[in-house]
Amino acid sequence: KGAGFRVYPRYGWFGRQFKVSDANREFASVDARGEPSTRDFCPLAILAHPDDAEMGKFFERAARLAALPDIDGICVDYETAPVWCWCERCLDEFRRETGIADLRRADVAPDGPHGESYADFGRRLNRRLLTKVKEVMLAQNGALQYHCLASAADLPTYWYDGRKGARHTVAELVKFADAIYA
């Protein structure tokens, strides 16, 4: 900041940094094969239980970052990351959204007939989580800016590297660099 740069700490919102216990096991995320996680929660559960000691860490991190001195905002890595939960809560919401009553987990697995639609559903859940992160940040300090390296508007222009991770478009990176004058 002293050198004239704008400062946007990275909000590392990625999962697998939690502890699923007997007390909160019902809220664990479930993978596409139906296996519950021991270190991650369902995005719908995180939204529904922000006061839970473990799930609340998701939003506590945002408040902690927003309280840092001499920052201009926070930056999140992608708000459009694909789905990470195939639990019954998520499947039920997807069923309601699509009207497909007899939907099975295999249907929405990455290689299933509705895999792409379910990935888009997961991206919408991620944006809902990050909308809450933004609200938490602004409640802590209303002058802060929120930046995301992968906005929903740029989703159609993403390209993939053949692995499971999305790469950002040059346009999106330039947009972010212009925003922070880096």
Protein backbone atom coordinates (compact mmCIF):
# COMPACT_ATOMS: atom_id res chain seq x y z
CA LYS A 1 0.00 0.00 0.00
CA GLY A 2 2.86 2.34 0.88
CA ALA A 3 4.34 1.81 -2.60
CA GLY A 4 1.15 3.03 -4.24
CA PHE A 5 -0.48 -0.32 -4.97
CA ARG A 6 -4.07 -1.10 -4.22
CA VAL A 7 -4.36 -4.07 -1.90
CA TYR A 8 -6.89 -6.88 -2.32
CA PRO A 9 -6.18 -9.90 -0.11
CA ARG A 10 -7.32 -13.18 -1.60
CA TYR A 11 -10.33 -14.74 0.04
CA GLY A 12 -9.44 -18.41 -0.11
CA TRP A 13 -12.93 -19.85 0.02
CA PHE A 14 -11.98 -23.29 -1.22
CA GLY A 15 -13.35 -26.20 0.76
CA ARG A 16 -11.71 -29.10 2.50
CA GLN A 17 -10.54 -26.82 5.29
CA PHE A 18 -13.33 -27.70 7.71
CA LYS A 19 -13.90 -30.48 10.19
CA VAL A 20 -16.98 -32.63 9.75
CA SER A 21 -17.83 -34.17 13.13
CA ASP A 22 -20.63 -36.35 14.46
CA ALA A 23 -22.47 -33.17 15.45
CA ASN A 24 -22.55 -31.74 11.90
CA ARG A 25 -22.16 -34.84 9.72
CA GLU A 26 -25.63 -34.37 8.22
CA PHE A 27 -24.33 -31.18 6.57
CA ALA A 28 -21.23 -32.75 4.98
CA SER A 29 -20.82 -32.37 1.26
CA VAL A 30 -21.22 -35.57 -0.74
CA ASP A 31 -19.19 -36.41 -3.82
CA ALA A 32 -20.66 -37.57 -7.14
CA ARG A 33 -20.26 -41.22 -6.06
CA GLY A 34 -22.30 -40.56 -2.89
CA GLU A 35 -19.37 -40.53 -0.44
CA PRO A 36 -19.62 -37.92 2.35
CA SER A 37 -16.69 -35.60 2.96
CA THR A 38 -14.83 -35.37 6.25
CA ARG A 39 -13.52 -31.86 5.50
CA ASP A 40 -16.16 -29.98 3.51
CA PHE A 41 -19.80 -28.92 3.81
CA CYS A 42 -22.72 -28.63 1.46
CA PRO A 43 -23.02 -25.05 0.13
CA LEU A 44 -26.73 -24.98 1.02
CA ALA A 45 -25.87 -26.04 4.58
CA ILE A 46 -23.24 -23.30 4.86
CA LEU A 47 -25.82 -20.73 3.78
CA ALA A 48 -28.47 -22.13 6.13
CA HIS A 49 -26.18 -22.40 9.17
CA PRO A 50 -23.78 -19.43 9.21
CA ASP A 51 -23.81 -19.46 13.03
CA ASP A 52 -22.54 -23.03 13.27
CA ALA A 53 -19.09 -23.11 14.84
CA GLU A 54 -17.53 -24.98 11.93
CA MET A 55 -19.58 -23.87 8.90
CA GLY A 56 -19.46 -20.28 10.14
CA LYS A 57 -15.72 -20.25 9.45
CA PHE A 58 -16.61 -19.67 5.81
CA PHE A 59 -17.97 -16.20 6.58
CA GLU A 60 -15.71 -15.48 9.57
CA ARG A 61 -12.75 -15.52 7.16
CA ALA A 62 -14.43 -12.85 5.06
CA ALA A 63 -15.07 -10.65 8.11
CA ARG A 64 -11.48 -11.13 9.29
CA LEU A 65 -10.09 -10.10 5.91
CA ALA A 66 -12.42 -7.13 5.64
CA ALA A 67 -11.22 -5.90 9.04
CA LEU A 68 -7.58 -5.70 7.92
CA PRO A 69 -6.15 -2.19 7.87
CA ASP A 70 -4.94 -0.58 4.64
CA ILE A 71 -6.80 -2.74 2.16
CA ASP A 72 -9.02 -1.66 -0.71
CA GLY A 73 -11.20 -4.75 -0.85
CA ILE A 74 -11.01 -8.50 -1.23
CA CYS A 75 -10.50 -10.73 -4.23
CA VAL A 76 -11.99 -14.18 -4.60
CA ASP A 77 -10.88 -16.87 -6.98
CA TYR A 78 -13.60 -18.08 -8.99
CA GLU A 79 -17.15 -17.32 -8.24
CA THR A 80 -18.05 -19.67 -11.08
CA ALA A 81 -16.21 -22.77 -9.90
CA PRO A 82 -18.15 -25.97 -10.59
CA VAL A 83 -20.23 -27.87 -8.09
CA TRP A 84 -18.64 -29.78 -5.22
CA CYS A 85 -21.70 -31.31 -3.56
CA TRP A 86 -24.14 -33.98 -4.67
CA CYS A 87 -26.00 -34.40 -1.35
CA GLU A 88 -29.76 -34.89 -1.16
CA ARG A 89 -30.28 -31.21 -0.27
CA CYS A 90 -28.53 -30.11 -3.45
CA LEU A 91 -30.19 -32.81 -5.55
CA ASP A 92 -33.63 -31.83 -4.22
CA GLU A 93 -33.05 -28.18 -5.05
CA PHE A 94 -31.87 -29.15 -8.55
CA ARG A 95 -34.96 -31.37 -8.96
CA ARG A 96 -37.21 -28.44 -8.00
CA GLU A 97 -35.34 -26.12 -10.36
CA THR A 98 -35.51 -28.46 -13.33
CA GLY A 99 -38.75 -30.31 -12.64
CA ILE A 100 -36.96 -33.67 -13.11
CA ALA A 101 -38.57 -35.64 -10.29
CA ASP A 102 -36.89 -39.01 -10.90
CA LEU A 103 -33.34 -37.59 -11.04
CA ARG A 104 -30.60 -39.82 -9.60
CA ARG A 105 -27.09 -38.82 -8.48
CA ALA A 106 -25.60 -40.66 -11.47
CA ASP A 107 -27.67 -38.43 -13.78
CA VAL A 108 -25.89 -35.31 -12.51
CA ALA A 109 -22.40 -36.77 -12.14
CA PRO A 110 -19.87 -35.03 -14.38
CA ASP A 111 -20.32 -37.69 -17.09
CA GLY A 112 -24.10 -38.04 -16.56
CA PRO A 113 -26.79 -36.81 -18.95
CA HIS A 114 -27.43 -33.74 -16.75
CA GLY A 115 -23.82 -33.25 -15.64
CA GLU A 116 -23.33 -29.90 -17.37
CA SER A 117 -26.64 -28.53 -16.10
CA TYR A 118 -25.70 -29.62 -12.59
CA ALA A 119 -22.28 -27.95 -12.91
CA ASP A 120 -24.09 -24.72 -13.82
CA PHE A 121 -26.35 -25.24 -10.80
CA GLY A 122 -23.21 -25.58 -8.66
CA ARG A 123 -21.84 -22.34 -10.09
CA ARG A 124 -25.06 -20.59 -9.08
CA LEU A 125 -24.69 -21.97 -5.55
CA ASN A 126 -21.11 -20.66 -5.43
CA ARG A 127 -22.32 -17.21 -6.47
CA ARG A 128 -24.92 -17.34 -3.68
CA LEU A 129 -22.19 -18.14 -1.16
CA LEU A 130 -19.99 -15.37 -2.46
CA THR A 131 -22.86 -12.89 -2.46
CA LYS A 132 -23.07 -13.58 1.27
CA VAL A 133 -19.27 -13.15 1.54
CA LYS A 134 -19.63 -9.76 -0.14
CA GLU A 135 -22.41 -8.80 2.30
CA VAL A 136 -20.20 -9.80 5.25
CA MET A 137 -17.30 -7.81 3.82
CA LEU A 138 -19.42 -4.68 3.28
CA ALA A 139 -20.97 -4.97 6.75
CA GLN A 140 -17.44 -4.90 8.16
CA ASN A 141 -16.32 -2.02 5.94
CA GLY A 142 -18.71 -0.49 3.41
CA ALA A 143 -15.90 1.26 1.53
CA LEU A 144 -14.25 -1.98 0.39
CA GLN A 145 -14.44 -3.30 -3.16
CA TYR A 146 -15.14 -6.90 -4.12
CA HIS A 147 -13.33 -8.42 -7.07
CA CYS A 148 -13.59 -11.86 -8.56
CA LEU A 149 -11.13 -13.31 -11.04
CA ALA A 150 -13.83 -15.22 -12.85
CA SER A 151 -17.11 -13.38 -13.19
CA ALA A 152 -20.30 -15.07 -14.28
CA ALA A 153 -20.45 -12.79 -17.33
CA ASP A 154 -17.22 -14.26 -18.66
CA LEU A 155 -18.19 -17.90 -18.13
CA PRO A 156 -18.86 -18.57 -21.85
CA THR A 157 -15.33 -17.47 -22.75
CA TYR A 158 -13.46 -19.71 -20.32
CA TRP A 159 -11.13 -22.35 -21.64
CA TYR A 160 -9.97 -25.47 -19.88
CA ASP A 161 -6.50 -26.97 -19.70
CA GLY A 162 -7.61 -30.60 -19.97
CA ARG A 163 -7.46 -31.12 -16.22
CA LYS A 164 -10.25 -30.23 -13.82
CA GLY A 165 -9.30 -26.59 -13.28
CA ALA A 166 -10.64 -23.66 -15.25
CA ARG A 167 -8.20 -21.09 -16.56
CA HIS A 168 -9.13 -17.44 -16.68
CA THR A 169 -9.50 -15.52 -19.90
CA VAL A 170 -6.99 -12.81 -20.69
CA ALA A 171 -9.90 -10.35 -20.79
CA GLU A 172 -10.88 -11.25 -17.22
CA LEU A 173 -7.32 -10.95 -15.94
CA VAL A 174 -6.90 -7.58 -17.68
CA LYS A 175 -10.20 -6.40 -16.18
CA PHE A 176 -8.97 -7.33 -12.71
CA ALA A 177 -5.51 -5.82 -13.28
CA ASP A 178 -7.08 -2.59 -14.48
CA ALA A 179 -9.34 -2.52 -11.42
CA ILE A 180 -6.44 -2.76 -9.00
CA TYR A 181 -3.94 -0.78 -11.12
CA ALA A 182 -1.44 -3.62 -10.84
